[in-house]
Amino acid sequence: MKRILSGIKPSGDMNIGGYGGALHQFVKLQHDYECFFFVPDLHAVTVQQDPKELHQRSRDIAAFYVAAGVDPKKATIFLQSQVPAHAELGWLMETQAHFGELSRMTQFKEKSDGKDIVSSALFTYPVLMAADILVYQATHVPVGEDQKQHLELTRDLAMRFNSRFGTTFVIPEPIIQDTGSRIMGLDDPSKKMSKSNPIRNSYVLLLDSPDDIRKKFARAVTDSEMNVRYDWDQKPAVSNLIEIYSVFSGDPLPTIEKRYEGQGYGAFKKDLAEIVVEKLIPIQDHYKQLVHSEELNRILKEGAARAAEIADHTLLSAKRAMGFVTFEG
């Protein structure tokens, strides 16, 4: 069966961009692939984190996976830090990575820009990301526009390793989601929706109250045309709202356009808010029941054990290929 590895970093409160770009997709993919959905907590600490917040946010992300509809009996859900093979393979792959190719990573440039102190881990974390994928021999990886470069690095490192040491890793292929893969801010459609935006009305959190959600969509920027039409070049703000509507309703983009033809933005934004509220309320209820529960502990422990079986086997193969002394098996 084809295998997928993906995850959401626990570096902030989850917003609907995370739902559209990841959770929504995870729920669908679990029926057609062998899925490993992890919480990349090792990646979170490439920048300074409050330990208490990291602990809680890691549980939050895992709870949202399940609350959104990922079935722990179908998909493996676990914390990256609970499977040591990620970090060890990450180091082995660092020996295969070149300084020049890491220095060209655009996300490093963006995240380090203007900072006096930058962690070396922020520079090398794309290699750990590659190890995350390769250690499970993932055949496919869901990626948005901002992750394509990292998957290309993963493929390059896997092919380089296989060429030098013999075929060891599967070369992963991308799964590119068109609708909802990159939800933008409600205040500015040129910037990705982010909790770090100081304008509170720019994002909708998964735990926002129904009233807050309605207010935020009512204040979302549009344009002067009053025509609900999908066109990112000419109507980016409205196109962003149409994509959110499609993700949360399941309706195709042309259906949404036709439904609001000639109605203007008022009715459209009001209905959009209600669709998001209707989808999020049961997710919020399930999340609250799960996030501090022993059930979540059990899911994460069992998931880490299942993940480690595959990860440890891959790591052992890589170490043998490189010439390390091993005694297992």
C-alpha atoms as a PDB file:
ATOM      1  CA  MET A   1       0.000   0.000   0.000  1.00  0.00           C
ATOM      2  CA  LYS A   2       1.215   3.526  -0.732  1.00  0.00           C
ATOM      3  CA  ARG A   3       2.460   5.318   2.389  1.00  0.00           C
ATOM      4  CA  ILE A   4       2.180   8.954   3.502  1.00  0.00           C
ATOM      5  CA  LEU A   5       4.057  10.946   6.139  1.00  0.00           C
ATOM      6  CA  SER A   6       2.857  14.395   7.165  1.00  0.00           C
ATOM      7  CA  GLY A   7       2.486  16.567  10.227  1.00  0.00           C
ATOM      8  CA  ILE A   8       1.692  19.981  11.705  1.00  0.00           C
ATOM      9  CA  LYS A   9       4.318  21.776  13.774  1.00  0.00           C
ATOM     10  CA  PRO A  10       3.209  22.700  17.340  1.00  0.00           C
ATOM     11  CA  SER A  11       4.465  26.268  17.159  1.00  0.00           C
ATOM     12  CA  GLY A  12       1.253  28.211  17.646  1.00  0.00           C
ATOM     13  CA  ASP A  13      -2.515  28.037  18.007  1.00  0.00           C
ATOM     14  CA  MET A  14      -4.116  26.131  15.141  1.00  0.00           C
ATOM     15  CA  ASN A  15      -6.045  28.234  12.639  1.00  0.00           C
ATOM     16  CA  ILE A  16      -8.270  27.283   9.721  1.00  0.00           C
ATOM     17  CA  GLY A  17      -5.237  27.454   7.434  1.00  0.00           C
ATOM     18  CA  GLY A  18      -3.975  24.338   9.210  1.00  0.00           C
ATOM     19  CA  TYR A  19      -7.358  22.725   8.727  1.00  0.00           C
ATOM     20  CA  GLY A  20      -7.499  23.503   5.007  1.00  0.00           C
ATOM     21  CA  GLY A  21      -3.877  22.693   4.258  1.00  0.00           C
ATOM     22  CA  ALA A  22      -3.527  19.603   6.443  1.00  0.00           C
ATOM     23  CA  LEU A  23      -6.312  18.257   8.679  1.00  0.00           C
ATOM     24  CA  HIS A  24      -8.974  18.339   5.991  1.00  0.00           C
ATOM     25  CA  GLN A  25      -6.619  16.476   3.680  1.00  0.00           C
ATOM     26  CA  PHE A  26      -5.488  13.954   6.319  1.00  0.00           C
ATOM     27  CA  VAL A  27      -9.057  12.796   6.874  1.00  0.00           C
ATOM     28  CA  LYS A  28      -9.444  12.008   3.173  1.00  0.00           C
ATOM     29  CA  LEU A  29      -6.005  10.455   2.655  1.00  0.00           C
ATOM     30  CA  GLN A  30      -6.345   7.925   5.482  1.00  0.00           C
ATOM     31  CA  HIS A  31      -8.784   5.885   3.394  1.00  0.00           C
ATOM     32  CA  ASP A  32      -6.427   5.417   0.439  1.00  0.00           C
ATOM     33  CA  TYR A  33      -2.945   5.327   1.965  1.00  0.00           C
ATOM     34  CA  GLU A  34      -1.063   3.874   4.911  1.00  0.00           C
ATOM     35  CA  CYS A  35      -0.737   7.125   6.863  1.00  0.00           C
ATOM     36  CA  PHE A  36       1.741   8.323   9.467  1.00  0.00           C
ATOM     37  CA  PHE A  37       0.627  11.648  10.918  1.00  0.00           C
ATOM     38  CA  PHE A  38       3.095  13.003  13.437  1.00  0.00           C
ATOM     39  CA  VAL A  39       3.575  16.077  15.600  1.00  0.00           C
ATOM     40  CA  PRO A  40       7.010  17.463  14.614  1.00  0.00           C
ATOM     41  CA  ASP A  41       7.938  18.791  18.036  1.00  0.00           C
ATOM     42  CA  LEU A  42      11.678  18.552  17.303  1.00  0.00           C
ATOM     43  CA  HIS A  43      11.153  21.051  14.500  1.00  0.00           C
ATOM     44  CA  ALA A  44       9.358  23.426  16.845  1.00  0.00           C
ATOM     45  CA  VAL A  45      12.509  23.979  18.915  1.00  0.00           C
ATOM     46  CA  THR A  46      14.522  25.363  15.995  1.00  0.00           C
ATOM     47  CA  VAL A  47      13.318  28.635  17.546  1.00  0.00           C
ATOM     48  CA  GLN A  48      12.966  29.320  21.269  1.00  0.00           C
ATOM     49  CA  GLN A  49       9.857  27.759  22.839  1.00  0.00           C
ATOM     50  CA  ASP A  50       8.343  28.045  26.292  1.00  0.00           C
ATOM     51  CA  PRO A  51       8.489  24.449  27.621  1.00  0.00           C
ATOM     52  CA  LYS A  52       4.964  24.539  29.055  1.00  0.00           C
ATOM     53  CA  GLU A  53       3.550  25.925  25.816  1.00  0.00           C
ATOM     54  CA  LEU A  54       5.407  23.362  23.705  1.00  0.00           C
ATOM     55  CA  HIS A  55       4.051  20.561  25.894  1.00  0.00           C
ATOM     56  CA  GLN A  56       0.473  21.797  25.590  1.00  0.00           C
ATOM     57  CA  ARG A  57       0.614  22.621  21.896  1.00  0.00           C
ATOM     58  CA  SER A  58       2.011  19.194  21.091  1.00  0.00           C
ATOM     59  CA  ARG A  59      -1.003  17.630  22.778  1.00  0.00           C
ATOM     60  CA  ASP A  60      -3.260  20.160  21.059  1.00  0.00           C
ATOM     61  CA  ILE A  61      -2.103  19.162  17.572  1.00  0.00           C
ATOM     62  CA  ALA A  62      -2.493  15.451  18.286  1.00  0.00           C
ATOM     63  CA  ALA A  63      -5.963  16.016  19.737  1.00  0.00           C
ATOM     64  CA  PHE A  64      -6.989  18.055  16.681  1.00  0.00           C
ATOM     65  CA  TYR A  65      -5.916  15.208  14.395  1.00  0.00           C
ATOM     66  CA  VAL A  66      -8.378  12.873  16.071  1.00  0.00           C
ATOM     67  CA  ALA A  67     -11.088  15.477  16.644  1.00  0.00           C
ATOM     68  CA  ALA A  68     -11.057  16.403  12.941  1.00  0.00           C
ATOM     69  CA  GLY A  69     -11.658  12.792  11.943  1.00  0.00           C
ATOM     70  CA  VAL A  70      -8.303  10.999  11.690  1.00  0.00           C
ATOM     71  CA  ASP A  71      -8.938   7.447  12.945  1.00  0.00           C
ATOM     72  CA  PRO A  72      -6.074   6.103  15.121  1.00  0.00           C
ATOM     73  CA  LYS A  73      -7.042   2.594  13.994  1.00  0.00           C
ATOM     74  CA  LYS A  74      -6.414   3.544  10.371  1.00  0.00           C
ATOM     75  CA  ALA A  75      -3.567   6.045  10.721  1.00  0.00           C
ATOM     76  CA  THR A  76      -0.547   6.115  13.015  1.00  0.00           C
ATOM     77  CA  ILE A  77      -0.513   9.262  15.173  1.00  0.00           C
ATOM     78  CA  PHE A  78       2.592  10.020  17.228  1.00  0.00           C
ATOM     79  CA  LEU A  79       5.067  12.608  18.527  1.00  0.00           C
ATOM     80  CA  GLN A  80       8.312  12.975  16.586  1.00  0.00           C
ATOM     81  CA  SER A  81      10.404  13.179  19.776  1.00  0.00           C
ATOM     82  CA  GLN A  82       9.088   9.786  20.905  1.00  0.00           C
ATOM     83  CA  VAL A  83      10.771   8.015  17.963  1.00  0.00           C
ATOM     84  CA  PRO A  84      14.556   8.545  18.314  1.00  0.00           C
ATOM     85  CA  ALA A  85      15.270   7.220  14.808  1.00  0.00           C
ATOM     86  CA  HIS A  86      14.142  10.591  13.384  1.00  0.00           C
ATOM     87  CA  ALA A  87      17.022  12.444  15.025  1.00  0.00           C
ATOM     88  CA  GLU A  88      19.637   9.761  14.369  1.00  0.00           C
ATOM     89  CA  LEU A  89      18.782   9.428  10.682  1.00  0.00           C
ATOM     90  CA  GLY A  90      18.679  13.229  10.543  1.00  0.00           C
ATOM     91  CA  TRP A  91      22.345  13.302  11.551  1.00  0.00           C
ATOM     92  CA  LEU A  92      23.287  10.632   9.016  1.00  0.00           C
ATOM     93  CA  MET A  93      21.553  12.596   6.283  1.00  0.00           C
ATOM     94  CA  GLU A  94      23.319  15.795   7.362  1.00  0.00           C
ATOM     95  CA  THR A  95      26.537  14.093   6.334  1.00  0.00           C
ATOM     96  CA  GLN A  96      25.081  13.827   2.829  1.00  0.00           C
ATOM     97  CA  ALA A  97      23.706  17.373   2.614  1.00  0.00           C
ATOM     98  CA  HIS A  98      25.708  20.258   1.144  1.00  0.00           C
ATOM     99  CA  PHE A  99      26.059  23.655   2.795  1.00  0.00           C
ATOM    100  CA  GLY A 100      25.220  25.397  -0.462  1.00  0.00           C
ATOM    101  CA  GLU A 101      21.897  23.622  -0.997  1.00  0.00           C
ATOM    102  CA  LEU A 102      20.822  24.319   2.581  1.00  0.00           C
ATOM    103  CA  SER A 103      21.751  27.991   2.262  1.00  0.00           C
ATOM    104  CA  ARG A 104      19.359  28.254  -0.679  1.00  0.00           C
ATOM    105  CA  MET A 105      16.321  27.162   1.347  1.00  0.00           C
ATOM    106  CA  THR A 106      13.897  30.077   1.141  1.00  0.00           C
ATOM    107  CA  GLN A 107      12.226  29.388   4.493  1.00  0.00           C
ATOM    108  CA  PHE A 108      15.555  29.721   6.293  1.00  0.00           C
ATOM    109  CA  LYS A 109      16.068  33.082   4.638  1.00  0.00           C
ATOM    110  CA  GLU A 110      12.586  34.221   5.655  1.00  0.00           C
ATOM    111  CA  LYS A 111      12.777  33.010   9.261  1.00  0.00           C
ATOM    112  CA  SER A 112      16.301  34.269   9.897  1.00  0.00           C
ATOM    113  CA  ASP A 113      15.873  37.647   8.232  1.00  0.00           C
ATOM    114  CA  GLY A 114      16.555  40.526  10.621  1.00  0.00           C
ATOM    115  CA  LYS A 115      17.480  38.303  13.587  1.00  0.00           C
ATOM    116  CA  ASP A 116      20.736  38.780  15.489  1.00  0.00           C
ATOM    117  CA  ILE A 117      20.815  35.201  16.806  1.00  0.00           C
ATOM    118  CA  VAL A 118      19.796  32.247  14.641  1.00  0.00           C
ATOM    119  CA  SER A 119      19.925  28.617  15.782  1.00  0.00           C
ATOM    120  CA  SER A 120      22.052  26.286  13.684  1.00  0.00           C
ATOM    121  CA  ALA A 121      19.089  23.906  13.830  1.00  0.00           C
ATOM    122  CA  LEU A 122      17.039  26.429  11.861  1.00  0.00           C
ATOM    123  CA  PHE A 123      19.607  26.113   9.090  1.00  0.00           C
ATOM    124  CA  THR A 124      19.726  22.297   9.071  1.00  0.00           C
ATOM    125  CA  TYR A 125      16.112  21.443   9.865  1.00  0.00           C
ATOM    126  CA  PRO A 126      15.250  20.679   6.201  1.00  0.00           C
ATOM    127  CA  VAL A 127      17.568  17.660   6.558  1.00  0.00           C
ATOM    128  CA  LEU A 128      15.650  16.474   9.614  1.00  0.00           C
ATOM    129  CA  MET A 129      12.471  16.989   7.593  1.00  0.00           C
ATOM    130  CA  ALA A 130      13.961  14.754   4.910  1.00  0.00           C
ATOM    131  CA  ALA A 131      14.793  12.136   7.530  1.00  0.00           C
ATOM    132  CA  ASP A 132      11.208  12.283   8.824  1.00  0.00           C
ATOM    133  CA  ILE A 133       9.985  11.252   5.387  1.00  0.00           C
ATOM    134  CA  LEU A 134      12.695   8.754   4.497  1.00  0.00           C
ATOM    135  CA  VAL A 135      12.687   6.892   7.801  1.00  0.00           C
ATOM    136  CA  TYR A 136       9.160   5.622   6.996  1.00  0.00           C
ATOM    137  CA  GLN A 137       9.935   4.934   3.341  1.00  0.00           C
ATOM    138  CA  ALA A 138       7.037   7.233   2.483  1.00  0.00           C
ATOM    139  CA  THR A 139       5.967   6.937  -1.137  1.00  0.00           C
ATOM    140  CA  HIS A 140       4.004  10.208  -1.123  1.00  0.00           C
ATOM    141  CA  VAL A 141       4.057  13.485   0.811  1.00  0.00           C
ATOM    142  CA  PRO A 142       1.274  16.116   0.757  1.00  0.00           C
ATOM    143  CA  VAL A 143       2.909  19.467   0.050  1.00  0.00           C
ATOM    144  CA  GLY A 144       1.813  23.045  -0.430  1.00  0.00           C
ATOM    145  CA  GLU A 145       3.648  25.682  -2.413  1.00  0.00           C
ATOM    146  CA  ASP A 146       5.851  26.589   0.561  1.00  0.00           C
ATOM    147  CA  GLN A 147       7.062  22.991   1.057  1.00  0.00           C
ATOM    148  CA  LYS A 148       7.942  21.981  -2.509  1.00  0.00           C
ATOM    149  CA  GLN A 149      11.582  23.019  -2.079  1.00  0.00           C
ATOM    150  CA  HIS A 150      11.968  20.845   1.010  1.00  0.00           C
ATOM    151  CA  LEU A 151      10.559  17.784  -0.742  1.00  0.00           C
ATOM    152  CA  GLU A 152      12.968  18.338  -3.626  1.00  0.00           C
ATOM    153  CA  LEU A 153      15.828  18.344  -1.113  1.00  0.00           C
ATOM    154  CA  THR A 154      14.471  15.098   0.372  1.00  0.00           C
ATOM    155  CA  ARG A 155      14.430  13.485  -3.054  1.00  0.00           C
ATOM    156  CA  ASP A 156      17.939  14.726  -3.814  1.00  0.00           C
ATOM    157  CA  LEU A 157      19.335  13.397  -0.522  1.00  0.00           C
ATOM    158  CA  ALA A 158      17.640  10.014  -0.980  1.00  0.00           C
ATOM    159  CA  MET A 159      18.975   9.625  -4.523  1.00  0.00           C
ATOM    160  CA  ARG A 160      22.451  10.748  -3.416  1.00  0.00           C
ATOM    161  CA  PHE A 161      22.474   8.230  -0.562  1.00  0.00           C
ATOM    162  CA  ASN A 162      21.197   5.414  -2.793  1.00  0.00           C
ATOM    163  CA  SER A 163      23.863   6.199  -5.391  1.00  0.00           C
ATOM    164  CA  ARG A 164      26.697   6.202  -2.838  1.00  0.00           C
ATOM    165  CA  PHE A 165      25.669   3.319  -0.587  1.00  0.00           C
ATOM    166  CA  GLY A 166      23.168   1.210  -2.509  1.00  0.00           C
ATOM    167  CA  THR A 167      19.407   1.419  -2.755  1.00  0.00           C
ATOM    168  CA  THR A 168      18.129   2.130   0.751  1.00  0.00           C
ATOM    169  CA  PHE A 169      15.374   4.749   0.501  1.00  0.00           C
ATOM    170  CA  VAL A 170      12.157   5.086  -1.447  1.00  0.00           C
ATOM    171  CA  ILE A 171      12.082   8.311  -3.489  1.00  0.00           C
ATOM    172  CA  PRO A 172       8.889  10.108  -2.374  1.00  0.00           C
ATOM    173  CA  GLU A 173       6.454  11.753  -4.751  1.00  0.00           C
ATOM    174  CA  PRO A 174       4.461  14.924  -3.946  1.00  0.00           C
ATOM    175  CA  ILE A 175       0.712  15.098  -3.521  1.00  0.00           C
ATOM    176  CA  ILE A 176      -0.260  18.639  -4.415  1.00  0.00           C
ATOM    177  CA  GLN A 177      -3.589  19.874  -3.122  1.00  0.00           C
ATOM    178  CA  ASP A 178      -5.034  22.708  -5.141  1.00  0.00           C
ATOM    179  CA  THR A 179      -7.943  24.068  -3.093  1.00  0.00           C
ATOM    180  CA  GLY A 180      -7.208  25.139   0.476  1.00  0.00           C
ATOM    181  CA  SER A 181      -3.517  24.254   0.539  1.00  0.00           C
ATOM    182  CA  ARG A 182      -2.557  27.840   1.372  1.00  0.00           C
ATOM    183  CA  ILE A 183      -5.296  29.841   3.082  1.00  0.00           C
ATOM    184  CA  MET A 184      -4.426  33.531   3.291  1.00  0.00           C
ATOM    185  CA  GLY A 185      -5.158  36.228   5.868  1.00  0.00           C
ATOM    186  CA  LEU A 186      -8.654  37.684   6.033  1.00  0.00           C
ATOM    187  CA  ASP A 187      -7.099  41.164   6.136  1.00  0.00           C
ATOM    188  CA  ASP A 188      -4.499  40.669   3.391  1.00  0.00           C
ATOM    189  CA  PRO A 189      -4.739  37.912   0.749  1.00  0.00           C
ATOM    190  CA  SER A 190      -1.057  38.324  -0.112  1.00  0.00           C
ATOM    191  CA  LYS A 191       0.051  36.895   3.259  1.00  0.00           C
ATOM    192  CA  LYS A 192      -0.521  33.407   4.616  1.00  0.00           C
ATOM    193  CA  MET A 193      -3.010  33.215   7.501  1.00  0.00           C
ATOM    194  CA  SER A 194      -0.947  33.277  10.679  1.00  0.00           C
ATOM    195  CA  LYS A 195      -1.493  33.617  14.417  1.00  0.00           C
ATOM    196  CA  SER A 196       1.628  35.801  14.511  1.00  0.00           C
ATOM    197  CA  ASN A 197      -0.264  38.533  12.655  1.00  0.00           C
ATOM    198  CA  PRO A 198      -0.978  41.254  15.250  1.00  0.00           C
ATOM    199  CA  ILE A 199      -4.353  41.939  13.600  1.00  0.00           C
ATOM    200  CA  ARG A 200      -6.685  39.527  15.373  1.00  0.00           C
ATOM    201  CA  ASN A 201      -9.315  39.636  12.633  1.00  0.00           C
ATOM    202  CA  SER A 202      -6.802  38.317  10.100  1.00  0.00           C
ATOM    203  CA  TYR A 203      -7.133  34.703  11.244  1.00  0.00           C
ATOM    204  CA  VAL A 204      -9.767  32.266  12.496  1.00  0.00           C
ATOM    205  CA  LEU A 205      -8.592  29.824  15.154  1.00  0.00           C
ATOM    206  CA  LEU A 206     -10.042  26.327  15.383  1.00  0.00           C
ATOM    207  CA  LEU A 207     -11.092  27.133  18.958  1.00  0.00           C
ATOM    208  CA  ASP A 208     -12.678  30.513  18.210  1.00  0.00           C
ATOM    209  CA  SER A 209     -16.243  30.977  19.444  1.00  0.00           C
ATOM    210  CA  PRO A 210     -19.091  31.084  16.898  1.00  0.00           C
ATOM    211  CA  ASP A 211     -19.563  34.809  17.545  1.00  0.00           C
ATOM    212  CA  ASP A 212     -15.873  35.526  16.953  1.00  0.00           C
ATOM    213  CA  ILE A 213     -15.930  33.539  13.721  1.00  0.00           C
ATOM    214  CA  ARG A 214     -18.967  35.449  12.457  1.00  0.00           C
ATOM    215  CA  LYS A 215     -17.392  38.810  13.310  1.00  0.00           C
ATOM    216  CA  LYS A 216     -14.100  37.945  11.626  1.00  0.00           C
ATOM    217  CA  PHE A 217     -15.706  36.866   8.365  1.00  0.00           C
ATOM    218  CA  ALA A 218     -18.009  39.880   8.398  1.00  0.00           C
ATOM    219  CA  ARG A 219     -14.889  42.097   8.543  1.00  0.00           C
ATOM    220  CA  ALA A 220     -12.908  40.107   5.959  1.00  0.00           C
ATOM    221  CA  VAL A 221     -11.633  42.268   3.111  1.00  0.00           C
ATOM    222  CA  THR A 222     -13.141  41.794  -0.353  1.00  0.00           C
ATOM    223  CA  ASP A 223     -13.109  44.287  -3.253  1.00  0.00           C
ATOM    224  CA  SER A 224     -15.374  46.869  -4.886  1.00  0.00           C
ATOM    225  CA  GLU A 225     -16.914  44.593  -7.536  1.00  0.00           C
ATOM    226  CA  MET A 226     -19.542  42.815  -5.360  1.00  0.00           C
ATOM    227  CA  ASN A 227     -19.168  39.764  -7.610  1.00  0.00           C
ATOM    228  CA  VAL A 228     -18.446  36.341  -6.056  1.00  0.00           C
ATOM    229  CA  ARG A 229     -15.988  35.112  -8.666  1.00  0.00           C
ATOM    230  CA  TYR A 230     -12.884  32.928  -8.347  1.00  0.00           C
ATOM    231  CA  ASP A 231      -9.913  34.737  -9.882  1.00  0.00           C
ATOM    232  CA  TRP A 232      -6.686  34.938  -7.886  1.00  0.00           C
ATOM    233  CA  ASP A 233      -5.095  37.450 -10.241  1.00  0.00           C
ATOM    234  CA  GLN A 234      -7.932  39.977 -10.224  1.00  0.00           C
ATOM    235  CA  LYS A 235      -9.847  39.077  -7.020  1.00  0.00           C
ATOM    236  CA  PRO A 236      -7.432  37.516  -4.482  1.00  0.00           C
ATOM    237  CA  ALA A 237      -9.407  38.403  -1.336  1.00  0.00           C
ATOM    238  CA  VAL A 238     -12.677  36.972  -2.664  1.00  0.00           C
ATOM    239  CA  SER A 239     -10.896  33.941  -4.136  1.00  0.00           C
ATOM    240  CA  ASN A 240      -9.405  33.208  -0.710  1.00  0.00           C
ATOM    241  CA  LEU A 241     -12.880  33.262   0.865  1.00  0.00           C
ATOM    242  CA  ILE A 242     -14.246  31.008  -1.881  1.00  0.00           C
ATOM    243  CA  GLU A 243     -11.477  28.483  -1.187  1.00  0.00           C
ATOM    244  CA  ILE A 244     -12.305  28.508   2.533  1.00  0.00           C
ATOM    245  CA  TYR A 245     -15.971  27.974   1.659  1.00  0.00           C
ATOM    246  CA  SER A 246     -15.028  25.020  -0.578  1.00  0.00           C
ATOM    247  CA  VAL A 247     -12.821  23.392   2.085  1.00  0.00           C
ATOM    248  CA  PHE A 248     -15.450  23.616   4.809  1.00  0.00           C
ATOM    249  CA  SER A 249     -18.492  22.799   2.673  1.00  0.00           C
ATOM    250  CA  GLY A 250     -17.028  20.303   0.231  1.00  0.00           C
ATOM    251  CA  ASP A 251     -18.613  22.205  -2.661  1.00  0.00           C
ATOM    252  CA  PRO A 252     -16.635  22.721  -5.904  1.00  0.00           C
ATOM    253  CA  LEU A 253     -15.538  26.268  -6.703  1.00  0.00           C
ATOM    254  CA  PRO A 254     -17.884  26.699  -9.724  1.00  0.00           C
ATOM    255  CA  THR A 255     -20.871  25.620  -7.608  1.00  0.00           C
ATOM    256  CA  ILE A 256     -20.097  28.333  -5.068  1.00  0.00           C
ATOM    257  CA  GLU A 257     -19.730  30.972  -7.765  1.00  0.00           C
ATOM    258  CA  LYS A 258     -23.074  30.025  -9.292  1.00  0.00           C
ATOM    259  CA  ARG A 259     -24.855  29.910  -5.921  1.00  0.00           C
ATOM    260  CA  TYR A 260     -23.988  33.546  -5.131  1.00  0.00           C
ATOM    261  CA  GLU A 261     -24.273  34.963  -8.616  1.00  0.00           C
ATOM    262  CA  GLY A 262     -25.725  38.455  -8.362  1.00  0.00           C
ATOM    263  CA  GLN A 263     -26.066  38.340  -4.551  1.00  0.00           C
ATOM    264  CA  GLY A 264     -23.045  40.399  -3.507  1.00  0.00           C
ATOM    265  CA  TYR A 265     -20.687  39.749  -0.622  1.00  0.00           C
ATOM    266  CA  GLY A 266     -22.980  40.170   2.387  1.00  0.00           C
ATOM    267  CA  ALA A 267     -24.947  36.952   1.974  1.00  0.00           C
ATOM    268  CA  PHE A 268     -21.835  35.071   0.860  1.00  0.00           C
ATOM    269  CA  LYS A 269     -19.758  36.027   3.914  1.00  0.00           C
ATOM    270  CA  LYS A 270     -22.649  35.345   6.284  1.00  0.00           C
ATOM    271  CA  ASP A 271     -23.178  31.851   4.870  1.00  0.00           C
ATOM    272  CA  LEU A 272     -19.434  31.202   4.874  1.00  0.00           C
ATOM    273  CA  ALA A 273     -19.234  31.991   8.579  1.00  0.00           C
ATOM    274  CA  GLU A 274     -22.095  29.595   9.360  1.00  0.00           C
ATOM    275  CA  ILE A 275     -20.501  26.797   7.340  1.00  0.00           C
ATOM    276  CA  VAL A 276     -17.225  27.211   9.248  1.00  0.00           C
ATOM    277  CA  VAL A 277     -19.052  27.367  12.600  1.00  0.00           C
ATOM    278  CA  GLU A 278     -21.034  24.230  11.788  1.00  0.00           C
ATOM    279  CA  LYS A 279     -17.869  22.310  10.907  1.00  0.00           C
ATOM    280  CA  LEU A 280     -15.826  23.515  13.885  1.00  0.00           C
ATOM    281  CA  ILE A 281     -18.300  23.018  16.736  1.00  0.00           C
ATOM    282  CA  PRO A 282     -18.084  19.180  16.777  1.00  0.00           C
ATOM    283  CA  ILE A 283     -14.307  19.366  16.300  1.00  0.00           C
ATOM    284  CA  GLN A 284     -14.044  21.728  19.277  1.00  0.00           C
ATOM    285  CA  ASP A 285     -16.234  19.471  21.436  1.00  0.00           C
ATOM    286  CA  HIS A 286     -14.198  16.351  20.609  1.00  0.00           C
ATOM    287  CA  TYR A 287     -10.920  18.201  21.103  1.00  0.00           C
ATOM    288  CA  LYS A 288     -11.947  19.364  24.597  1.00  0.00           C
ATOM    289  CA  GLN A 289     -12.875  15.822  25.612  1.00  0.00           C
ATOM    290  CA  LEU A 290      -9.611  14.399  24.306  1.00  0.00           C
ATOM    291  CA  VAL A 291      -6.768  16.870  24.859  1.00  0.00           C
ATOM    292  CA  HIS A 292      -6.104  16.136  28.557  1.00  0.00           C
ATOM    293  CA  SER A 293      -7.316  12.532  28.512  1.00  0.00           C
ATOM    294  CA  GLU A 294      -5.664   9.191  29.067  1.00  0.00           C
ATOM    295  CA  GLU A 295      -7.137   8.179  25.718  1.00  0.00           C
ATOM    296  CA  LEU A 296      -4.836  10.656  23.947  1.00  0.00           C
ATOM    297  CA  ASN A 297      -1.880   9.308  25.938  1.00  0.00           C
ATOM    298  CA  ARG A 298      -2.755   5.788  24.784  1.00  0.00           C
ATOM    299  CA  ILE A 299      -3.116   6.866  21.139  1.00  0.00           C
ATOM    300  CA  LEU A 300       0.281   8.580  21.188  1.00  0.00           C
ATOM    301  CA  LYS A 301       2.077   5.739  22.977  1.00  0.00           C
ATOM    302  CA  GLU A 302       0.661   3.092  20.643  1.00  0.00           C
ATOM    303  CA  GLY A 303       1.364   5.277  17.633  1.00  0.00           C
ATOM    304  CA  ALA A 304       4.991   5.814  18.638  1.00  0.00           C
ATOM    305  CA  ALA A 305       5.473   2.072  19.113  1.00  0.00           C
ATOM    306  CA  ARG A 306       4.068   1.294  15.646  1.00  0.00           C
ATOM    307  CA  ALA A 307       6.095   4.097  14.062  1.00  0.00           C
ATOM    308  CA  ALA A 308       9.320   2.971  15.765  1.00  0.00           C
ATOM    309  CA  GLU A 309       9.051  -0.541  14.302  1.00  0.00           C
ATOM    310  CA  ILE A 310       9.344   0.840  10.775  1.00  0.00           C
ATOM    311  CA  ALA A 311      11.682   3.723  11.601  1.00  0.00           C
ATOM    312  CA  ASP A 312      14.167   1.536  13.475  1.00  0.00           C
ATOM    313  CA  HIS A 313      14.292  -0.951  10.608  1.00  0.00           C
ATOM    314  CA  THR A 314      15.022   1.820   8.090  1.00  0.00           C
ATOM    315  CA  LEU A 315      17.665   3.361  10.340  1.00  0.00           C
ATOM    316  CA  LEU A 316      19.400   0.010  10.742  1.00  0.00           C
ATOM    317  CA  SER A 317      19.467  -0.460   6.963  1.00  0.00           C
ATOM    318  CA  ALA A 318      20.977   3.004   6.493  1.00  0.00           C
ATOM    319  CA  LYS A 319      23.644   2.431   9.150  1.00  0.00           C
ATOM    320  CA  ARG A 320      24.643  -0.901   7.629  1.00  0.00           C
ATOM    321  CA  ALA A 321      24.806   0.663   4.170  1.00  0.00           C
ATOM    322  CA  MET A 322      27.167   3.376   5.472  1.00  0.00           C
ATOM    323  CA  GLY A 323      29.457   0.827   7.131  1.00  0.00           C
ATOM    324  CA  PHE A 324      28.556   1.216  10.810  1.00  0.00           C
ATOM    325  CA  VAL A 325      28.969  -1.827  13.026  1.00  0.00           C
ATOM    326  CA  THR A 326      25.558  -3.226  13.923  1.00  0.00           C
ATOM    327  CA  PHE A 327      24.500  -6.311  15.881  1.00  0.00           C
ATOM    328  CA  GLU A 328      20.723  -6.336  15.426  1.00  0.00           C
ATOM    329  CA  GLY A 329      19.081  -8.927  13.192  1.00  0.00           C
END
